[in-house]
């Protein structure tokens, strides 16, 4: 698959986002107050079995869920993950488009909760649940480029 296989409305994430760069090339789509992340499974995303590595799926789920929580708050940034659980349901193979979707989001005073799934053309690849800390105090480092979150730089 090439970039022409990326669904309409998705924009490539910039580099320089720390660990998120391991998913490159990866993409984001804003749709109202929801956000989707996706990628075409390439060799660097696969394991020795030739399928998408579970760590890639976990990272995609983490970014999707944290961003889903923050979009619900009207904030375009990341939040520290407290817990992330995943059920691996089906394999995603080389060349397939996979897409993470935050489907249910609940925001409380200091915590956000998100459940969602990762899909390919055949259906569900994995489902996830995440809990995120919502810091709005001076105790959390907020400087530099990575602290701006994965949504930085795509509003132009």
N, C-alpha and C. Protein backbone atom coordinates (compact mmCIF):
# COMPACT_ATOMS: atom_id res chain seq x y z
N UNK A 1 0.84 -1.19 0.00
CA UNK A 1 0.00 0.00 0.00
C UNK A 1 0.87 1.24 0.00
N UNK A 2 0.39 2.26 -0.60
CA UNK A 2 1.09 3.53 -0.64
C UNK A 2 0.26 4.58 0.05
N UNK A 3 0.79 5.81 0.10
CA UNK A 3 0.03 6.89 0.70
C UNK A 3 -1.32 7.09 0.02
N UNK A 4 -1.43 6.70 -1.26
CA UNK A 4 -2.71 6.83 -1.95
C UNK A 4 -3.75 5.87 -1.38
N UNK A 5 -3.33 4.88 -0.58
CA UNK A 5 -4.24 3.94 0.06
C UNK A 5 -4.76 4.45 1.40
N UNK A 6 -4.23 5.57 1.86
CA UNK A 6 -4.69 6.16 3.12
C UNK A 6 -6.07 6.77 2.87
N UNK A 7 -7.05 6.47 3.70
CA UNK A 7 -8.41 7.00 3.48
C UNK A 7 -8.45 8.53 3.47
N UNK A 8 -9.41 9.04 2.76
CA UNK A 8 -9.60 10.48 2.65
C UNK A 8 -9.80 11.11 4.03
N UNK A 9 -9.23 12.28 4.19
CA UNK A 9 -9.38 13.03 5.43
C UNK A 9 -8.27 12.81 6.44
N UNK A 10 -7.41 11.81 6.21
CA UNK A 10 -6.29 11.56 7.11
C UNK A 10 -5.08 12.38 6.69
N UNK A 11 -4.39 12.94 7.69
CA UNK A 11 -3.20 13.76 7.47
C UNK A 11 -2.04 13.09 8.20
N UNK A 12 -0.87 13.04 7.55
CA UNK A 12 0.27 12.40 8.20
C UNK A 12 0.70 13.19 9.42
N UNK A 13 0.98 12.47 10.50
CA UNK A 13 1.50 13.09 11.71
C UNK A 13 2.91 13.61 11.44
N UNK A 14 3.27 14.71 12.06
CA UNK A 14 4.64 15.18 11.92
C UNK A 14 5.59 14.28 12.71
N UNK A 15 6.86 14.34 12.39
CA UNK A 15 7.85 13.63 13.18
C UNK A 15 8.28 14.54 14.33
N UNK A 16 9.09 13.99 15.22
CA UNK A 16 9.56 14.75 16.37
C UNK A 16 8.63 14.64 17.56
N UNK A 17 7.81 13.59 17.59
CA UNK A 17 6.85 13.40 18.68
C UNK A 17 7.29 12.31 19.64
N UNK A 18 8.59 12.04 19.69
CA UNK A 18 9.09 11.03 20.60
C UNK A 18 8.74 9.63 20.14
N UNK A 19 8.32 8.80 21.06
CA UNK A 19 8.05 7.39 20.76
C UNK A 19 7.00 7.21 19.66
N UNK A 20 6.10 8.16 19.53
CA UNK A 20 5.07 8.10 18.48
C UNK A 20 5.70 7.96 17.10
N UNK A 21 6.90 8.47 16.94
CA UNK A 21 7.58 8.38 15.65
C UNK A 21 7.82 6.93 15.22
N UNK A 22 7.79 5.98 16.15
CA UNK A 22 7.99 4.57 15.77
C UNK A 22 6.85 4.05 14.90
N UNK A 23 5.72 4.75 14.88
CA UNK A 23 4.59 4.34 14.05
C UNK A 23 4.65 4.91 12.63
N UNK A 24 5.60 5.79 12.37
CA UNK A 24 5.64 6.48 11.08
C UNK A 24 5.81 5.52 9.92
N UNK A 25 5.18 5.81 8.77
CA UNK A 25 4.24 6.91 8.61
C UNK A 25 2.88 6.56 9.22
N UNK A 26 2.38 7.47 10.02
CA UNK A 26 1.06 7.29 10.65
C UNK A 26 0.24 8.55 10.42
N UNK A 27 -1.06 8.42 10.59
CA UNK A 27 -1.98 9.46 10.16
C UNK A 27 -3.05 9.73 11.20
N UNK A 28 -3.64 10.93 11.10
CA UNK A 28 -4.70 11.34 12.01
C UNK A 28 -5.82 12.00 11.21
N UNK A 29 -7.02 11.81 11.70
CA UNK A 29 -8.19 12.44 11.10
C UNK A 29 -9.06 13.01 12.21
N UNK A 30 -9.33 14.29 12.12
CA UNK A 30 -10.28 14.93 13.04
C UNK A 30 -11.64 14.91 12.38
N UNK A 31 -12.63 14.46 13.12
CA UNK A 31 -13.99 14.37 12.61
C UNK A 31 -14.91 14.93 13.68
N UNK A 32 -15.16 16.24 13.62
CA UNK A 32 -15.95 16.89 14.67
C UNK A 32 -15.18 16.85 15.97
N UNK A 33 -15.77 16.25 16.99
CA UNK A 33 -15.09 16.15 18.28
C UNK A 33 -14.46 14.78 18.50
N UNK A 34 -14.30 14.01 17.43
CA UNK A 34 -13.64 12.71 17.53
C UNK A 34 -12.35 12.73 16.73
N UNK A 35 -11.47 11.81 17.06
CA UNK A 35 -10.19 11.70 16.38
C UNK A 35 -9.92 10.23 16.08
N UNK A 36 -9.35 9.99 14.91
CA UNK A 36 -8.98 8.64 14.49
C UNK A 36 -7.50 8.67 14.13
N UNK A 37 -6.80 7.57 14.39
CA UNK A 37 -5.40 7.43 14.01
C UNK A 37 -5.27 6.15 13.21
N UNK A 38 -4.37 6.14 12.24
CA UNK A 38 -4.20 4.94 11.44
C UNK A 38 -2.84 4.87 10.80
N UNK A 39 -2.57 3.70 10.22
CA UNK A 39 -1.34 3.48 9.48
C UNK A 39 -1.51 2.30 8.55
N UNK A 40 -0.65 2.25 7.54
CA UNK A 40 -0.56 1.09 6.67
C UNK A 40 0.52 0.21 7.26
N UNK A 41 0.20 -1.03 7.59
CA UNK A 41 1.16 -1.94 8.22
C UNK A 41 2.33 -2.18 7.26
N UNK A 42 3.51 -1.75 7.69
CA UNK A 42 4.73 -1.90 6.90
C UNK A 42 5.69 -2.84 7.63
N UNK A 43 6.80 -3.13 7.01
CA UNK A 43 7.77 -4.07 7.59
C UNK A 43 8.21 -3.64 8.99
N UNK A 44 8.40 -2.34 9.20
CA UNK A 44 8.85 -1.87 10.52
C UNK A 44 7.76 -2.01 11.60
N UNK A 45 6.52 -2.27 11.21
CA UNK A 45 5.42 -2.45 12.15
C UNK A 45 5.14 -3.92 12.44
N UNK A 46 5.84 -4.82 11.75
CA UNK A 46 5.49 -6.24 11.85
C UNK A 46 6.44 -7.01 12.75
N UNK A 47 5.98 -8.19 13.13
CA UNK A 47 6.81 -9.09 13.94
C UNK A 47 7.37 -10.20 13.04
N UNK A 48 7.99 -11.19 13.62
CA UNK A 48 8.62 -12.26 12.84
C UNK A 48 7.60 -13.14 12.13
N UNK A 49 6.33 -13.03 12.49
CA UNK A 49 5.28 -13.79 11.82
C UNK A 49 4.72 -13.06 10.61
N UNK A 50 5.19 -11.82 10.38
CA UNK A 50 4.72 -11.05 9.24
C UNK A 50 3.38 -10.37 9.48
N UNK A 51 3.00 -10.23 10.74
CA UNK A 51 1.77 -9.52 11.08
C UNK A 51 2.11 -8.33 11.97
N UNK A 52 1.18 -7.43 12.11
CA UNK A 52 1.42 -6.23 12.92
C UNK A 52 1.76 -6.61 14.36
N UNK A 53 2.85 -6.06 14.86
CA UNK A 53 3.33 -6.34 16.21
C UNK A 53 2.33 -5.81 17.24
N UNK A 54 2.14 -6.55 18.31
CA UNK A 54 1.23 -6.12 19.38
C UNK A 54 1.61 -4.79 20.00
N UNK A 55 2.91 -4.49 20.05
CA UNK A 55 3.35 -3.21 20.58
C UNK A 55 2.90 -2.04 19.72
N UNK A 56 2.86 -2.25 18.41
CA UNK A 56 2.35 -1.21 17.50
C UNK A 56 0.87 -0.99 17.77
N UNK A 57 0.12 -2.08 17.92
CA UNK A 57 -1.31 -1.97 18.20
C UNK A 57 -1.56 -1.27 19.54
N UNK A 58 -0.75 -1.61 20.55
CA UNK A 58 -0.89 -0.95 21.86
C UNK A 58 -0.58 0.54 21.77
N UNK A 59 0.46 0.89 21.03
CA UNK A 59 0.82 2.30 20.89
C UNK A 59 -0.27 3.05 20.14
N UNK A 60 -0.79 2.47 19.08
CA UNK A 60 -1.87 3.10 18.34
C UNK A 60 -3.10 3.28 19.23
N UNK A 61 -3.42 2.27 20.03
CA UNK A 61 -4.56 2.36 20.96
C UNK A 61 -4.33 3.46 22.00
N UNK A 62 -3.13 3.54 22.55
CA UNK A 62 -2.81 4.53 23.57
C UNK A 62 -2.97 5.95 23.03
N UNK A 63 -2.43 6.19 21.87
CA UNK A 63 -2.53 7.52 21.25
C UNK A 63 -3.99 7.85 20.94
N UNK A 64 -4.71 6.89 20.40
CA UNK A 64 -6.11 7.11 20.05
C UNK A 64 -6.95 7.40 21.28
N UNK A 65 -6.79 6.59 22.32
CA UNK A 65 -7.61 6.75 23.53
C UNK A 65 -7.29 8.05 24.26
N UNK A 66 -6.01 8.36 24.45
CA UNK A 66 -5.64 9.60 25.15
C UNK A 66 -6.12 10.82 24.38
N UNK A 67 -5.97 10.79 23.07
CA UNK A 67 -6.43 11.92 22.25
C UNK A 67 -7.95 12.01 22.27
N UNK A 68 -8.64 10.87 22.29
CA UNK A 68 -10.10 10.88 22.38
C UNK A 68 -10.59 11.54 23.66
N UNK A 69 -9.92 11.24 24.77
CA UNK A 69 -10.27 11.85 26.05
C UNK A 69 -10.04 13.35 25.99
N UNK A 70 -8.89 13.75 25.48
CA UNK A 70 -8.58 15.18 25.43
C UNK A 70 -9.44 15.94 24.44
N UNK A 71 -9.82 15.33 23.34
CA UNK A 71 -10.74 15.99 22.41
C UNK A 71 -12.08 16.24 23.10
N UNK A 72 -12.52 15.28 23.92
CA UNK A 72 -13.78 15.46 24.66
C UNK A 72 -13.68 16.62 25.64
N UNK A 73 -12.48 16.91 26.10
CA UNK A 73 -12.24 18.03 27.02
C UNK A 73 -12.00 19.33 26.27
N UNK A 74 -11.88 19.26 24.94
CA UNK A 74 -11.58 20.45 24.15
C UNK A 74 -10.12 20.83 24.19
N UNK A 75 -9.25 19.86 24.50
CA UNK A 75 -7.82 20.11 24.61
C UNK A 75 -7.10 19.24 23.59
N UNK A 76 -6.21 19.83 22.83
CA UNK A 76 -5.46 19.07 21.84
C UNK A 76 -4.06 18.79 22.37
N UNK A 77 -3.98 17.78 23.20
CA UNK A 77 -2.69 17.37 23.76
C UNK A 77 -2.82 15.94 24.25
N UNK A 78 -1.77 15.44 24.84
CA UNK A 78 -1.78 14.11 25.41
C UNK A 78 -2.02 14.16 26.90
N UNK A 79 -2.21 13.00 27.48
CA UNK A 79 -2.36 12.85 28.93
C UNK A 79 -1.64 11.58 29.35
N UNK A 80 -1.09 11.56 30.55
CA UNK A 80 -0.41 10.34 31.03
C UNK A 80 -1.38 9.17 31.16
N UNK A 81 -0.93 8.02 30.68
CA UNK A 81 -1.74 6.81 30.75
C UNK A 81 -1.60 6.18 32.13
N UNK A 82 -2.75 5.90 32.76
CA UNK A 82 -2.78 5.21 34.05
C UNK A 82 -2.91 3.70 33.81
N UNK A 83 -3.76 3.33 32.87
CA UNK A 83 -3.98 1.92 32.56
C UNK A 83 -4.41 1.82 31.10
N UNK A 84 -3.94 0.77 30.44
CA UNK A 84 -4.38 0.48 29.08
C UNK A 84 -4.46 -1.03 28.95
N UNK A 85 -5.64 -1.51 28.60
CA UNK A 85 -5.79 -2.96 28.39
C UNK A 85 -6.27 -3.20 26.96
N UNK A 86 -5.89 -4.35 26.43
CA UNK A 86 -6.22 -4.64 25.04
C UNK A 86 -6.53 -6.12 24.88
N UNK A 87 -7.52 -6.38 24.05
CA UNK A 87 -7.82 -7.73 23.60
C UNK A 87 -7.42 -7.80 22.13
N UNK A 88 -6.51 -8.71 21.81
CA UNK A 88 -6.09 -8.92 20.43
C UNK A 88 -7.04 -9.93 19.81
N UNK A 89 -7.71 -9.53 18.75
CA UNK A 89 -8.78 -10.36 18.20
C UNK A 89 -8.42 -10.99 16.87
N UNK A 90 -7.80 -10.23 15.98
CA UNK A 90 -7.42 -10.74 14.66
C UNK A 90 -6.10 -10.13 14.24
N UNK A 91 -5.45 -10.76 13.29
CA UNK A 91 -4.16 -10.25 12.80
C UNK A 91 -4.38 -9.14 11.78
N UNK A 92 -3.46 -8.18 11.79
CA UNK A 92 -3.38 -7.17 10.74
C UNK A 92 -2.12 -7.49 9.95
N UNK A 93 -2.26 -7.63 8.67
CA UNK A 93 -1.15 -8.10 7.83
C UNK A 93 -0.45 -6.96 7.09
N UNK A 94 0.74 -7.25 6.61
CA UNK A 94 1.50 -6.27 5.84
C UNK A 94 0.65 -5.68 4.72
N UNK A 95 0.72 -4.37 4.57
CA UNK A 95 0.00 -3.68 3.51
C UNK A 95 -1.43 -3.28 3.85
N UNK A 96 -1.93 -3.73 4.99
CA UNK A 96 -3.31 -3.40 5.38
C UNK A 96 -3.37 -2.05 6.10
N UNK A 97 -4.42 -1.31 5.85
CA UNK A 97 -4.72 -0.09 6.60
C UNK A 97 -5.37 -0.50 7.92
N UNK A 98 -4.86 -0.01 9.04
CA UNK A 98 -5.51 -0.21 10.33
C UNK A 98 -5.82 1.17 10.92
N UNK A 99 -6.93 1.22 11.63
CA UNK A 99 -7.42 2.51 12.14
C UNK A 99 -7.93 2.37 13.56
N UNK A 100 -7.41 3.21 14.46
CA UNK A 100 -7.88 3.25 15.84
C UNK A 100 -8.98 4.28 15.99
N UNK A 101 -10.04 3.89 16.68
CA UNK A 101 -11.18 4.78 16.90
C UNK A 101 -11.55 4.81 18.38
N UNK A 102 -11.61 6.01 18.92
CA UNK A 102 -12.11 6.20 20.29
C UNK A 102 -13.62 6.21 20.20
N UNK A 103 -14.28 5.24 20.83
CA UNK A 103 -15.71 5.08 20.62
C UNK A 103 -16.57 5.51 21.81
N UNK A 104 -16.09 5.32 23.00
CA UNK A 104 -16.81 5.76 24.20
C UNK A 104 -15.85 6.48 25.11
N UNK A 105 -16.19 7.71 25.44
CA UNK A 105 -15.31 8.53 26.26
C UNK A 105 -16.09 9.10 27.43
N UNK A 106 -15.48 9.06 28.61
CA UNK A 106 -16.07 9.64 29.81
C UNK A 106 -14.98 10.44 30.52
N UNK A 107 -15.30 11.67 30.87
CA UNK A 107 -14.33 12.54 31.52
C UNK A 107 -14.85 12.89 32.91
N UNK A 108 -14.01 12.63 33.90
CA UNK A 108 -14.32 12.97 35.29
C UNK A 108 -13.37 14.07 35.72
N UNK A 109 -13.35 14.40 36.99
CA UNK A 109 -12.56 15.53 37.48
C UNK A 109 -11.07 15.40 37.15
N UNK A 110 -10.45 14.31 37.51
CA UNK A 110 -9.01 14.12 37.31
C UNK A 110 -8.66 12.97 36.38
N UNK A 111 -9.67 12.25 35.88
CA UNK A 111 -9.40 11.09 35.06
C UNK A 111 -10.33 11.06 33.85
N UNK A 112 -9.80 10.52 32.75
CA UNK A 112 -10.60 10.30 31.55
C UNK A 112 -10.57 8.81 31.23
N UNK A 113 -11.65 8.33 30.68
CA UNK A 113 -11.79 6.91 30.35
C UNK A 113 -12.20 6.79 28.89
N UNK A 114 -11.62 5.83 28.20
CA UNK A 114 -11.93 5.66 26.79
C UNK A 114 -11.91 4.18 26.44
N UNK A 115 -12.90 3.77 25.67
CA UNK A 115 -12.87 2.44 25.07
C UNK A 115 -13.00 2.63 23.57
N UNK A 116 -12.42 1.72 22.84
CA UNK A 116 -12.47 1.81 21.39
C UNK A 116 -11.91 0.56 20.78
N UNK A 117 -11.60 0.67 19.50
CA UNK A 117 -11.12 -0.51 18.78
C UNK A 117 -10.21 -0.08 17.63
N UNK A 118 -9.46 -1.05 17.16
CA UNK A 118 -8.64 -0.90 15.96
C UNK A 118 -9.24 -1.83 14.90
N UNK A 119 -9.44 -1.26 13.72
CA UNK A 119 -10.11 -1.98 12.62
C UNK A 119 -9.21 -2.09 11.40
N UNK A 120 -9.44 -3.12 10.60
CA UNK A 120 -8.92 -3.19 9.24
C UNK A 120 -10.12 -3.45 8.32
N UNK A 121 -9.89 -3.70 7.05
CA UNK A 121 -11.02 -3.90 6.12
C UNK A 121 -11.86 -5.11 6.46
N UNK A 122 -11.30 -6.07 7.18
CA UNK A 122 -12.03 -7.29 7.53
C UNK A 122 -12.84 -7.16 8.81
N UNK A 123 -12.61 -6.09 9.57
CA UNK A 123 -13.34 -5.91 10.83
C UNK A 123 -12.42 -5.51 11.96
N UNK A 124 -12.72 -6.02 13.13
CA UNK A 124 -11.99 -5.61 14.33
C UNK A 124 -10.69 -6.41 14.48
N UNK A 125 -9.62 -5.68 14.75
CA UNK A 125 -8.31 -6.29 15.00
C UNK A 125 -8.08 -6.41 16.51
N UNK A 126 -8.44 -5.36 17.24
CA UNK A 126 -8.24 -5.34 18.69
C UNK A 126 -9.21 -4.35 19.31
N UNK A 127 -9.53 -4.57 20.57
CA UNK A 127 -10.33 -3.60 21.31
C UNK A 127 -9.54 -3.19 22.55
N UNK A 128 -9.79 -1.95 23.00
CA UNK A 128 -8.99 -1.42 24.10
C UNK A 128 -9.83 -0.59 25.06
N UNK A 129 -9.30 -0.47 26.28
CA UNK A 129 -9.85 0.39 27.32
C UNK A 129 -8.68 1.10 27.98
N UNK A 130 -8.83 2.40 28.19
CA UNK A 130 -7.76 3.16 28.80
C UNK A 130 -8.25 4.12 29.86
N UNK A 131 -7.40 4.39 30.84
CA UNK A 131 -7.65 5.38 31.88
C UNK A 131 -6.49 6.36 31.83
N UNK A 132 -6.80 7.66 31.87
CA UNK A 132 -5.79 8.70 31.70
C UNK A 132 -5.92 9.74 32.79
N UNK A 133 -4.78 10.18 33.28
CA UNK A 133 -4.73 11.24 34.28
C UNK A 133 -4.86 12.57 33.57
N UNK A 134 -5.67 13.46 34.13
CA UNK A 134 -5.91 14.77 33.53
C UNK A 134 -5.25 15.85 34.38
N UNK A 135 -3.98 16.11 34.13
CA UNK A 135 -3.25 17.08 34.94
C UNK A 135 -3.61 18.51 34.54
N UNK A 136 -3.98 19.30 35.51
CA UNK A 136 -4.12 20.73 35.24
C UNK A 136 -3.56 21.47 36.45
N UNK A 137 -2.31 21.11 36.73
CA UNK A 137 -1.56 21.75 37.80
C UNK A 137 -0.14 21.97 37.29
N UNK A 138 0.67 22.69 38.02
CA UNK A 138 2.01 23.02 37.58
C UNK A 138 3.02 21.90 37.80
N UNK A 139 2.60 20.78 38.36
CA UNK A 139 3.53 19.71 38.69
C UNK A 139 3.92 18.84 37.53
N UNK A 140 3.28 18.96 36.38
CA UNK A 140 3.62 18.12 35.24
C UNK A 140 4.40 18.93 34.23
N UNK A 141 5.51 18.36 33.76
CA UNK A 141 6.34 19.05 32.78
C UNK A 141 5.54 19.31 31.52
N UNK A 142 5.59 20.54 31.01
CA UNK A 142 4.82 20.89 29.82
C UNK A 142 5.66 21.57 28.75
N UNK A 143 6.97 21.58 28.90
CA UNK A 143 7.82 22.30 27.96
C UNK A 143 8.26 21.46 26.79
N UNK A 144 8.90 22.09 25.81
CA UNK A 144 9.49 21.40 24.68
C UNK A 144 8.50 20.94 23.66
N UNK A 145 8.98 20.24 22.64
CA UNK A 145 8.11 19.85 21.54
C UNK A 145 7.23 18.66 21.86
N UNK A 146 7.75 17.68 22.58
CA UNK A 146 6.94 16.49 22.86
C UNK A 146 5.80 16.82 23.81
N UNK A 147 6.01 17.70 24.74
CA UNK A 147 4.96 18.06 25.71
C UNK A 147 3.74 18.70 25.07
N UNK A 148 3.87 19.11 23.82
CA UNK A 148 2.74 19.71 23.11
C UNK A 148 1.74 18.66 22.62
N UNK A 149 2.09 17.40 22.65
CA UNK A 149 1.17 16.33 22.29
C UNK A 149 1.17 15.98 20.82
N UNK A 150 0.52 14.88 20.48
CA UNK A 150 0.53 14.37 19.12
C UNK A 150 -0.34 15.19 18.18
N UNK A 151 -1.13 16.09 18.70
CA UNK A 151 -2.02 16.86 17.83
C UNK A 151 -1.38 18.18 17.41
N UNK A 152 -0.19 18.48 17.93
CA UNK A 152 0.51 19.71 17.62
C UNK A 152 0.86 19.76 16.13
N UNK A 153 0.75 20.94 15.57
CA UNK A 153 1.27 21.17 14.23
C UNK A 153 0.39 20.73 13.09
N UNK A 154 -0.79 20.24 13.36
CA UNK A 154 -1.66 19.77 12.29
C UNK A 154 -2.88 20.66 12.08
N UNK A 155 -2.90 21.79 12.71
CA UNK A 155 -4.06 22.66 12.58
C UNK A 155 -3.90 23.68 11.46
N UNK A 156 -2.76 23.69 10.79
CA UNK A 156 -2.50 24.66 9.74
C UNK A 156 -3.24 24.32 8.47
